Amino acid sequence: MQNTQQQTGTLVVVGTGPGAYDLITPRARKAIENAAVVVGYRTYLDLVAEFITPDQEVISSQMMQEIDRCRKALALADEGKYVALVCGGDPGIYAMAGLVFELVRESGSRSRIDIVPGIAALNSCAAILGAPLMHDFAAISLSDLMTPWEVIEKRLQAAAMADFVLVIYNPKSKKRVTQIVKARDIMLEYRDPKTPVGIVSGATRAHEKVRLTTIAEMLEQKIGMQTTVIIGNSTTFVHKDKMITPRGYNKKYGFK
């Protein structure tokens, strides 16, 4: 256990949004530019390369090294440095913010921890698709690396039963191919096969691809780790290539 008698440095966990430069918030950009050390997954660092100067120390690593990145960033902050830990999307949604706080509790670190939010995948993908999240929705990751599939399946069942619009993160990878099939099958137990589904890959990046389909036909589309899938509820509709879930204004106020 390290000495915790006084606060040392600062660790800022920065969300850089979906990928486009103009969707990185001014606060996130400032945190990266002011940092003595910038730490992150190599792909995310590449997305903010223009904000990093030669006099800054940069520590990059590969995917699946999240704990090492967070430990290193926290250790550098404990040395008295101002450190930016870069995450894609929002750091508090399936990213590094929670892990950092877990490590702070474990280590007894007194470094200041700041979280800079970013535009999450569900926000950017919803905007690209139209307005599919206008009513209650649930976000569920299909990755079972840290969450047992039995738990994920229960959550899918609950969301489907309650008629939530469903945002699916981490729908499929090279090794993990059956979960999205099971998720589709669960949704079909409760929803019309023609329910709209929006599939966005590489949101806001040069390789962005957007597809509108249905629950019945969603698996005919290419889905990967950079894909977010949004499945509509019983009221969701498509109009002029946009996916919309009504909030209920027409029922309450009436309009034509």
C-alpha atoms as a PDB file:
ATOM      1  CA  MET A   1       0.000   0.000   0.000  1.00  0.00           C
ATOM      2  CA  GLN A   2       1.437   3.358  -1.037  1.00  0.00           C
ATOM      3  CA  ASN A   3       1.631   6.490   1.096  1.00  0.00           C
ATOM      4  CA  THR A   4      -1.671   8.372   0.894  1.00  0.00           C
ATOM      5  CA  GLN A   5      -0.979  11.301   3.219  1.00  0.00           C
ATOM      6  CA  GLN A   6      -1.380  13.908   0.516  1.00  0.00           C
ATOM      7  CA  GLN A   7      -2.889  14.301  -2.908  1.00  0.00           C
ATOM      8  CA  THR A   8      -0.325  14.100  -5.679  1.00  0.00           C
ATOM      9  CA  GLY A   9      -1.110  14.662  -9.335  1.00  0.00           C
ATOM     10  CA  THR A  10      -4.182  14.644 -11.551  1.00  0.00           C
ATOM     11  CA  LEU A  11      -5.604  11.920 -13.776  1.00  0.00           C
ATOM     12  CA  VAL A  12      -8.177  13.107 -16.297  1.00  0.00           C
ATOM     13  CA  VAL A  13     -10.162  10.342 -17.977  1.00  0.00           C
ATOM     14  CA  VAL A  14     -11.096  11.854 -21.334  1.00  0.00           C
ATOM     15  CA  GLY A  15     -13.897  10.791 -23.658  1.00  0.00           C
ATOM     16  CA  THR A  16     -13.110  11.684 -27.260  1.00  0.00           C
ATOM     17  CA  GLY A  17     -16.499  10.854 -28.732  1.00  0.00           C
ATOM     18  CA  PRO A  18     -17.235   8.661 -31.761  1.00  0.00           C
ATOM     19  CA  GLY A  19     -14.226   9.659 -33.842  1.00  0.00           C
ATOM     20  CA  ALA A  20     -14.897  12.874 -35.749  1.00  0.00           C
ATOM     21  CA  TYR A  21     -12.706  15.810 -34.709  1.00  0.00           C
ATOM     22  CA  ASP A  22     -15.609  18.242 -34.569  1.00  0.00           C
ATOM     23  CA  LEU A  23     -17.424  15.981 -32.093  1.00  0.00           C
ATOM     24  CA  ILE A  24     -14.582  16.119 -29.558  1.00  0.00           C
ATOM     25  CA  THR A  25     -15.630  18.576 -26.859  1.00  0.00           C
ATOM     26  CA  PRO A  26     -13.505  21.669 -26.120  1.00  0.00           C
ATOM     27  CA  ARG A  27     -12.998  20.401 -22.560  1.00  0.00           C
ATOM     28  CA  ALA A  28     -11.671  17.058 -23.827  1.00  0.00           C
ATOM     29  CA  ARG A  29      -9.311  18.779 -26.247  1.00  0.00           C
ATOM     30  CA  LYS A  30      -8.028  21.091 -23.511  1.00  0.00           C
ATOM     31  CA  ALA A  31      -7.397  18.153 -21.146  1.00  0.00           C
ATOM     32  CA  ILE A  32      -5.332  16.359 -23.794  1.00  0.00           C
ATOM     33  CA  GLU A  33      -3.382  19.480 -24.756  1.00  0.00           C
ATOM     34  CA  ASN A  34      -2.591  20.353 -21.123  1.00  0.00           C
ATOM     35  CA  ALA A  35      -1.438  16.879 -20.131  1.00  0.00           C
ATOM     36  CA  ALA A  36       2.211  16.094 -19.448  1.00  0.00           C
ATOM     37  CA  VAL A  37       1.476  12.460 -20.293  1.00  0.00           C
ATOM     38  CA  VAL A  38      -1.188  11.079 -22.638  1.00  0.00           C
ATOM     39  CA  VAL A  39      -2.123   7.415 -22.187  1.00  0.00           C
ATOM     40  CA  GLY A  40      -4.458   5.369 -24.359  1.00  0.00           C
ATOM     41  CA  TYR A  41      -5.297   2.572 -26.742  1.00  0.00           C
ATOM     42  CA  ARG A  42      -3.324   3.179 -29.925  1.00  0.00           C
ATOM     43  CA  THR A  43      -6.370   3.558 -32.194  1.00  0.00           C
ATOM     44  CA  TYR A  44      -7.941   6.201 -29.930  1.00  0.00           C
ATOM     45  CA  LEU A  45      -4.660   8.116 -29.714  1.00  0.00           C
ATOM     46  CA  ASP A  46      -4.493   8.180 -33.506  1.00  0.00           C
ATOM     47  CA  LEU A  47      -7.892   9.879 -33.549  1.00  0.00           C
ATOM     48  CA  VAL A  48      -6.596  12.789 -31.423  1.00  0.00           C
ATOM     49  CA  ALA A  49      -3.070  12.959 -32.854  1.00  0.00           C
ATOM     50  CA  GLU A  50      -3.389  16.598 -33.900  1.00  0.00           C
ATOM     51  CA  PHE A  51      -3.935  17.631 -30.267  1.00  0.00           C
ATOM     52  CA  ILE A  52      -0.723  15.970 -29.048  1.00  0.00           C
ATOM     53  CA  THR A  53       2.589  17.824 -29.238  1.00  0.00           C
ATOM     54  CA  PRO A  54       6.141  16.428 -29.439  1.00  0.00           C
ATOM     55  CA  ASP A  55       6.971  17.583 -25.916  1.00  0.00           C
ATOM     56  CA  GLN A  56       4.246  15.407 -24.380  1.00  0.00           C
ATOM     57  CA  GLU A  57       4.991  11.865 -23.262  1.00  0.00           C
ATOM     58  CA  VAL A  58       2.708   9.377 -25.034  1.00  0.00           C
ATOM     59  CA  ILE A  59       2.084   5.864 -23.761  1.00  0.00           C
ATOM     60  CA  SER A  60       0.061   3.646 -26.083  1.00  0.00           C
ATOM     61  CA  SER A  61      -0.959   0.015 -25.871  1.00  0.00           C
ATOM     62  CA  GLN A  62      -3.005  -2.612 -27.631  1.00  0.00           C
ATOM     63  CA  MET A  63      -6.591  -3.666 -27.064  1.00  0.00           C
ATOM     64  CA  MET A  64      -7.300  -5.884 -24.028  1.00  0.00           C
ATOM     65  CA  GLN A  65      -4.715  -4.039 -21.914  1.00  0.00           C
ATOM     66  CA  GLU A  66      -7.174  -1.776 -20.113  1.00  0.00           C
ATOM     67  CA  ILE A  67      -6.028  -2.607 -16.584  1.00  0.00           C
ATOM     68  CA  ASP A  68      -2.378  -1.997 -17.446  1.00  0.00           C
ATOM     69  CA  ARG A  69      -3.240   1.362 -19.043  1.00  0.00           C
ATOM     70  CA  CYS A  70      -5.232   2.502 -16.042  1.00  0.00           C
ATOM     71  CA  ARG A  71      -2.607   1.356 -13.530  1.00  0.00           C
ATOM     72  CA  LYS A  72       0.133   3.139 -15.472  1.00  0.00           C
ATOM     73  CA  ALA A  73      -1.883   6.356 -15.796  1.00  0.00           C
ATOM     74  CA  LEU A  74      -2.712   6.341 -12.089  1.00  0.00           C
ATOM     75  CA  ALA A  75       0.899   5.615 -11.116  1.00  0.00           C
ATOM     76  CA  LEU A  76       2.082   8.587 -13.180  1.00  0.00           C
ATOM     77  CA  ALA A  77      -0.506  10.828 -11.537  1.00  0.00           C
ATOM     78  CA  ASP A  78       0.676   9.604  -8.142  1.00  0.00           C
ATOM     79  CA  GLU A  79       4.134  10.857  -9.115  1.00  0.00           C
ATOM     80  CA  GLY A  80       2.644  14.336  -9.352  1.00  0.00           C
ATOM     81  CA  LYS A  81       2.008  14.506 -13.101  1.00  0.00           C
ATOM     82  CA  TYR A  82      -1.022  15.737 -15.008  1.00  0.00           C
ATOM     83  CA  VAL A  83      -2.123  12.686 -16.996  1.00  0.00           C
ATOM     84  CA  ALA A  84      -4.810  12.300 -19.659  1.00  0.00           C
ATOM     85  CA  LEU A  85      -6.200   8.796 -20.114  1.00  0.00           C
ATOM     86  CA  VAL A  86      -7.908   8.773 -23.499  1.00  0.00           C
ATOM     87  CA  CYS A  87     -11.052   6.725 -24.174  1.00  0.00           C
ATOM     88  CA  GLY A  88     -13.327   6.569 -27.191  1.00  0.00           C
ATOM     89  CA  GLY A  89     -16.943   7.624 -26.770  1.00  0.00           C
ATOM     90  CA  ASP A  90     -17.813   8.438 -23.164  1.00  0.00           C
ATOM     91  CA  PRO A  91     -15.423   7.171 -20.443  1.00  0.00           C
ATOM     92  CA  GLY A  92     -18.314   6.283 -18.152  1.00  0.00           C
ATOM     93  CA  ILE A  93     -20.096   4.008 -20.647  1.00  0.00           C
ATOM     94  CA  TYR A  94     -18.322   0.656 -21.101  1.00  0.00           C
ATOM     95  CA  ALA A  95     -14.973   2.419 -20.781  1.00  0.00           C
ATOM     96  CA  MET A  96     -12.258   3.357 -18.288  1.00  0.00           C
ATOM     97  CA  ALA A  97     -13.875   5.636 -15.686  1.00  0.00           C
ATOM     98  CA  GLY A  98     -15.207   2.872 -13.466  1.00  0.00           C
ATOM     99  CA  LEU A  99     -11.999   0.854 -13.645  1.00  0.00           C
ATOM    100  CA  VAL A 100      -9.952   3.887 -12.631  1.00  0.00           C
ATOM    101  CA  PHE A 101     -12.074   4.415  -9.533  1.00  0.00           C
ATOM    102  CA  GLU A 102     -11.833   0.727  -8.646  1.00  0.00           C
ATOM    103  CA  LEU A 103      -8.028   0.973  -8.831  1.00  0.00           C
ATOM    104  CA  VAL A 104      -8.059   4.171  -6.768  1.00  0.00           C
ATOM    105  CA  ARG A 105      -9.964   2.350  -4.039  1.00  0.00           C
ATOM    106  CA  GLU A 106      -7.543  -0.594  -4.237  1.00  0.00           C
ATOM    107  CA  SER A 107      -4.370   1.486  -4.147  1.00  0.00           C
ATOM    108  CA  GLY A 108      -5.403   4.277  -1.777  1.00  0.00           C
ATOM    109  CA  SER A 109      -4.291   6.864  -4.329  1.00  0.00           C
ATOM    110  CA  ARG A 110      -4.960  10.500  -3.407  1.00  0.00           C
ATOM    111  CA  SER A 111      -4.476  11.852  -6.921  1.00  0.00           C
ATOM    112  CA  ARG A 112      -7.289  14.018  -8.241  1.00  0.00           C
ATOM    113  CA  ILE A 113      -9.519  12.122 -10.680  1.00  0.00           C
ATOM    114  CA  ASP A 114     -11.540  14.097 -13.227  1.00  0.00           C
ATOM    115  CA  ILE A 115     -13.893  12.626 -15.813  1.00  0.00           C
ATOM    116  CA  VAL A 116     -14.428  14.487 -19.073  1.00  0.00           C
ATOM    117  CA  PRO A 117     -17.540  13.156 -20.827  1.00  0.00           C
ATOM    118  CA  GLY A 118     -17.692  12.464 -24.523  1.00  0.00           C
ATOM    119  CA  ILE A 119     -20.435  11.827 -27.053  1.00  0.00           C
ATOM    120  CA  ALA A 120     -21.258   8.145 -26.662  1.00  0.00           C
ATOM    121  CA  ALA A 121     -21.875   5.664 -29.462  1.00  0.00           C
ATOM    122  CA  LEU A 122     -25.572   5.568 -28.673  1.00  0.00           C
ATOM    123  CA  ASN A 123     -25.806   9.363 -29.072  1.00  0.00           C
ATOM    124  CA  SER A 124     -23.873   9.600 -32.311  1.00  0.00           C
ATOM    125  CA  CYS A 125     -25.523   6.550 -33.886  1.00  0.00           C
ATOM    126  CA  ALA A 126     -28.991   7.713 -32.879  1.00  0.00           C
ATOM    127  CA  ALA A 127     -28.343  11.113 -34.471  1.00  0.00           C
ATOM    128  CA  ILE A 128     -27.168   9.461 -37.680  1.00  0.00           C
ATOM    129  CA  LEU A 129     -30.259   7.236 -37.788  1.00  0.00           C
ATOM    130  CA  GLY A 130     -32.737   9.994 -36.953  1.00  0.00           C
ATOM    131  CA  ALA A 131     -34.439   9.936 -33.543  1.00  0.00           C
ATOM    132  CA  PRO A 132     -34.746   6.319 -32.371  1.00  0.00           C
ATOM    133  CA  LEU A 133     -34.110   7.044 -28.669  1.00  0.00           C
ATOM    134  CA  MET A 134     -36.908   9.531 -28.072  1.00  0.00           C
ATOM    135  CA  HIS A 135     -38.552   7.228 -25.548  1.00  0.00           C
ATOM    136  CA  ASP A 136     -37.240   4.840 -22.865  1.00  0.00           C
ATOM    137  CA  PHE A 137     -34.325   2.706 -23.981  1.00  0.00           C
ATOM    138  CA  ALA A 138     -31.797   0.222 -22.642  1.00  0.00           C
ATOM    139  CA  ALA A 139     -28.141  -0.250 -23.585  1.00  0.00           C
ATOM    140  CA  ILE A 140     -26.718  -3.779 -23.364  1.00  0.00           C
ATOM    141  CA  SER A 141     -23.266  -5.049 -24.327  1.00  0.00           C
ATOM    142  CA  LEU A 142     -23.152  -8.550 -25.799  1.00  0.00           C
ATOM    143  CA  SER A 143     -19.525  -9.026 -24.737  1.00  0.00           C
ATOM    144  CA  ASP A 144     -19.331 -11.820 -22.190  1.00  0.00           C
ATOM    145  CA  LEU A 145     -15.651 -11.325 -21.376  1.00  0.00           C
ATOM    146  CA  MET A 146     -16.527  -9.858 -17.972  1.00  0.00           C
ATOM    147  CA  THR A 147     -20.274 -10.467 -17.706  1.00  0.00           C
ATOM    148  CA  PRO A 148     -21.662 -14.025 -17.804  1.00  0.00           C
ATOM    149  CA  TRP A 149     -23.860 -14.704 -20.802  1.00  0.00           C
ATOM    150  CA  GLU A 150     -26.644 -15.878 -18.494  1.00  0.00           C
ATOM    151  CA  VAL A 151     -26.801 -12.368 -17.015  1.00  0.00           C
ATOM    152  CA  ILE A 152     -26.739 -10.704 -20.430  1.00  0.00           C
ATOM    153  CA  GLU A 153     -29.529 -12.986 -21.623  1.00  0.00           C
ATOM    154  CA  LYS A 154     -31.721 -12.043 -18.650  1.00  0.00           C
ATOM    155  CA  ARG A 155     -31.185  -8.374 -19.395  1.00  0.00           C
ATOM    156  CA  LEU A 156     -32.092  -8.900 -23.052  1.00  0.00           C
ATOM    157  CA  GLN A 157     -35.259 -10.705 -22.007  1.00  0.00           C
ATOM    158  CA  ALA A 158     -36.192  -7.910 -19.595  1.00  0.00           C
ATOM    159  CA  ALA A 159     -35.584  -5.158 -22.151  1.00  0.00           C
ATOM    160  CA  ALA A 160     -37.538  -7.001 -24.826  1.00  0.00           C
ATOM    161  CA  MET A 161     -40.437  -7.748 -22.493  1.00  0.00           C
ATOM    162  CA  ALA A 162     -40.632  -4.125 -21.305  1.00  0.00           C
ATOM    163  CA  ASP A 163     -40.692  -2.783 -24.887  1.00  0.00           C
ATOM    164  CA  PHE A 164     -37.537  -0.716 -24.471  1.00  0.00           C
ATOM    165  CA  VAL A 165     -35.739   0.501 -27.552  1.00  0.00           C
ATOM    166  CA  LEU A 166     -32.536  -1.538 -27.353  1.00  0.00           C
ATOM    167  CA  VAL A 167     -29.014  -0.269 -28.062  1.00  0.00           C
ATOM    168  CA  ILE A 168     -26.591  -3.156 -28.520  1.00  0.00           C
ATOM    169  CA  TYR A 169     -22.900  -2.542 -27.905  1.00  0.00           C
ATOM    170  CA  ASN A 170     -20.167  -5.039 -28.883  1.00  0.00           C
ATOM    171  CA  PRO A 171     -22.619  -7.078 -30.952  1.00  0.00           C
ATOM    172  CA  LYS A 172     -20.127  -9.377 -32.658  1.00  0.00           C
ATOM    173  CA  SER A 173     -16.427 -10.156 -33.061  1.00  0.00           C
ATOM    174  CA  LYS A 174     -14.382 -12.711 -34.968  1.00  0.00           C
ATOM    175  CA  LYS A 175     -14.575 -15.177 -32.083  1.00  0.00           C
ATOM    176  CA  ARG A 176     -17.967 -14.171 -30.699  1.00  0.00           C
ATOM    177  CA  VAL A 177     -20.628 -14.773 -33.334  1.00  0.00           C
ATOM    178  CA  THR A 178     -23.604 -16.483 -31.672  1.00  0.00           C
ATOM    179  CA  GLN A 179     -24.618 -13.798 -29.162  1.00  0.00           C
ATOM    180  CA  ILE A 180     -26.146 -11.469 -31.749  1.00  0.00           C
ATOM    181  CA  VAL A 181     -28.174 -14.386 -33.099  1.00  0.00           C
ATOM    182  CA  LYS A 182     -29.502 -15.158 -29.632  1.00  0.00           C
ATOM    183  CA  ALA A 183     -30.264 -11.482 -29.039  1.00  0.00           C
ATOM    184  CA  ARG A 184     -32.238 -11.336 -32.282  1.00  0.00           C
ATOM    185  CA  ASP A 185     -34.153 -14.488 -31.348  1.00  0.00           C
ATOM    186  CA  ILE A 186     -35.065 -13.038 -27.946  1.00  0.00           C
ATOM    187  CA  MET A 187     -36.368  -9.845 -29.547  1.00  0.00           C
ATOM    188  CA  LEU A 188     -38.486 -11.868 -31.964  1.00  0.00           C
ATOM    189  CA  GLU A 189     -40.229 -13.487 -29.009  1.00  0.00           C
ATOM    190  CA  TYR A 190     -41.730 -10.112 -28.082  1.00  0.00           C
ATOM    191  CA  ARG A 191     -41.666  -7.918 -31.202  1.00  0.00           C
ATOM    192  CA  ASP A 192     -43.035  -7.851 -34.689  1.00  0.00           C
ATOM    193  CA  PRO A 193     -40.426  -9.172 -37.154  1.00  0.00           C
ATOM    194  CA  LYS A 194     -40.894  -5.951 -39.146  1.00  0.00           C
ATOM    195  CA  THR A 195     -39.771  -3.769 -36.206  1.00  0.00           C
ATOM    196  CA  PRO A 196     -37.161  -1.279 -37.505  1.00  0.00           C
ATOM    197  CA  VAL A 197     -33.480  -1.846 -36.753  1.00  0.00           C
ATOM    198  CA  GLY A 198     -30.693   0.656 -37.360  1.00  0.00           C
ATOM    199  CA  ILE A 199     -27.135  -0.591 -37.824  1.00  0.00           C
ATOM    200  CA  VAL A 200     -24.256   1.901 -37.784  1.00  0.00           C
ATOM    201  CA  SER A 201     -20.609   0.976 -38.276  1.00  0.00           C
ATOM    202  CA  GLY A 202     -17.697   3.403 -37.869  1.00  0.00           C
ATOM    203  CA  ALA A 203     -19.982   6.251 -36.819  1.00  0.00           C
ATOM    204  CA  THR A 204     -18.714   9.710 -37.900  1.00  0.00           C
ATOM    205  CA  ARG A 205     -15.519   8.228 -39.363  1.00  0.00           C
ATOM    206  CA  ALA A 206     -14.459   7.981 -42.995  1.00  0.00           C
ATOM    207  CA  HIS A 207     -15.657   4.364 -43.240  1.00  0.00           C
ATOM    208  CA  GLU A 208     -19.087   5.056 -41.692  1.00  0.00           C
ATOM    209  CA  LYS A 209     -21.834   2.777 -42.957  1.00  0.00           C
ATOM    210  CA  VAL A 210     -25.528   3.053 -42.105  1.00  0.00           C
ATOM    211  CA  ARG A 211     -28.200   0.446 -42.765  1.00  0.00           C
ATOM    212  CA  LEU A 212     -31.913   0.353 -41.950  1.00  0.00           C
ATOM    213  CA  THR A 213     -33.488  -3.059 -41.755  1.00  0.00           C
ATOM    214  CA  THR A 214     -35.835  -5.102 -39.567  1.00  0.00           C
ATOM    215  CA  ILE A 215     -35.452  -7.600 -36.739  1.00  0.00           C
ATOM    216  CA  ALA A 216     -36.249 -10.415 -39.154  1.00  0.00           C
ATOM    217  CA  GLU A 217     -33.522  -9.367 -41.604  1.00  0.00           C
ATOM    218  CA  MET A 218     -30.909  -7.732 -39.347  1.00  0.00           C
ATOM    219  CA  LEU A 219     -28.483 -10.666 -39.454  1.00  0.00           C
ATOM    220  CA  GLU A 220     -28.210 -10.329 -43.230  1.00  0.00           C
ATOM    221  CA  GLN A 221     -26.213  -7.150 -42.604  1.00  0.00           C
ATOM    222  CA  LYS A 222     -22.504  -6.984 -41.794  1.00  0.00           C
ATOM    223  CA  ILE A 223     -22.034  -6.511 -38.054  1.00  0.00           C
ATOM    224  CA  GLY A 224     -18.711  -6.203 -36.223  1.00  0.00           C
ATOM    225  CA  MET A 225     -17.026  -4.708 -33.164  1.00  0.00           C
ATOM    226  CA  GLN A 226     -17.263  -1.147 -34.532  1.00  0.00           C
ATOM    227  CA  THR A 227     -20.999  -1.587 -35.043  1.00  0.00           C
ATOM    228  CA  THR A 228     -23.827  -0.319 -32.868  1.00  0.00           C
ATOM    229  CA  VAL A 229     -27.256  -1.880 -33.355  1.00  0.00           C
ATOM    230  CA  ILE A 230     -30.437  -0.043 -32.350  1.00  0.00           C
ATOM    231  CA  ILE A 231     -33.627  -2.099 -32.263  1.00  0.00           C
ATOM    232  CA  GLY A 232     -36.864  -0.163 -32.140  1.00  0.00           C
ATOM    233  CA  ASN A 233     -39.827  -0.676 -29.833  1.00  0.00           C
ATOM    234  CA  SER A 234     -43.451  -1.362 -30.794  1.00  0.00           C
ATOM    235  CA  THR A 235     -44.006   2.249 -31.917  1.00  0.00           C
ATOM    236  CA  THR A 236     -40.762   2.885 -33.825  1.00  0.00           C
ATOM    237  CA  PHE A 237     -41.189   3.670 -37.525  1.00  0.00           C
ATOM    238  CA  VAL A 238     -39.100   4.612 -40.560  1.00  0.00           C
ATOM    239  CA  HIS A 239     -39.843   7.741 -42.588  1.00  0.00           C
ATOM    240  CA  LYS A 240     -37.694   9.025 -45.445  1.00  0.00           C
ATOM    241  CA  ASP A 241     -34.781   6.772 -44.440  1.00  0.00           C
ATOM    242  CA  LYS A 242     -34.862   7.918 -40.836  1.00  0.00           C
ATOM    243  CA  MET A 243     -35.692   5.807 -37.780  1.00  0.00           C
ATOM    244  CA  ILE A 244     -38.032   7.487 -35.292  1.00  0.00           C
ATOM    245  CA  THR A 245     -39.480   6.430 -31.947  1.00  0.00           C
ATOM    246  CA  PRO A 246     -42.382   8.734 -30.981  1.00  0.00           C
ATOM    247  CA  ARG A 247     -42.224  10.393 -27.562  1.00  0.00           C
ATOM    248  CA  GLY A 248     -46.008  10.584 -27.327  1.00  0.00           C
ATOM    249  CA  TYR A 249     -46.658  14.224 -28.228  1.00  0.00           C
ATOM    250  CA  ASN A 250     -49.362  13.335 -30.723  1.00  0.00           C
ATOM    251  CA  LYS A 251     -51.324  11.318 -28.150  1.00  0.00           C
ATOM    252  CA  LYS A 252     -51.093  14.073 -25.554  1.00  0.00           C
ATOM    253  CA  TYR A 253     -51.552  17.204 -27.652  1.00  0.00           C
ATOM    254  CA  GLY A 254     -52.807  15.995 -31.013  1.00  0.00           C
ATOM    255  CA  PHE A 255     -51.466  17.304 -34.298  1.00  0.00           C
ATOM    256  CA  LYS A 256     -51.589  16.537 -37.984  1.00  0.00           C
END
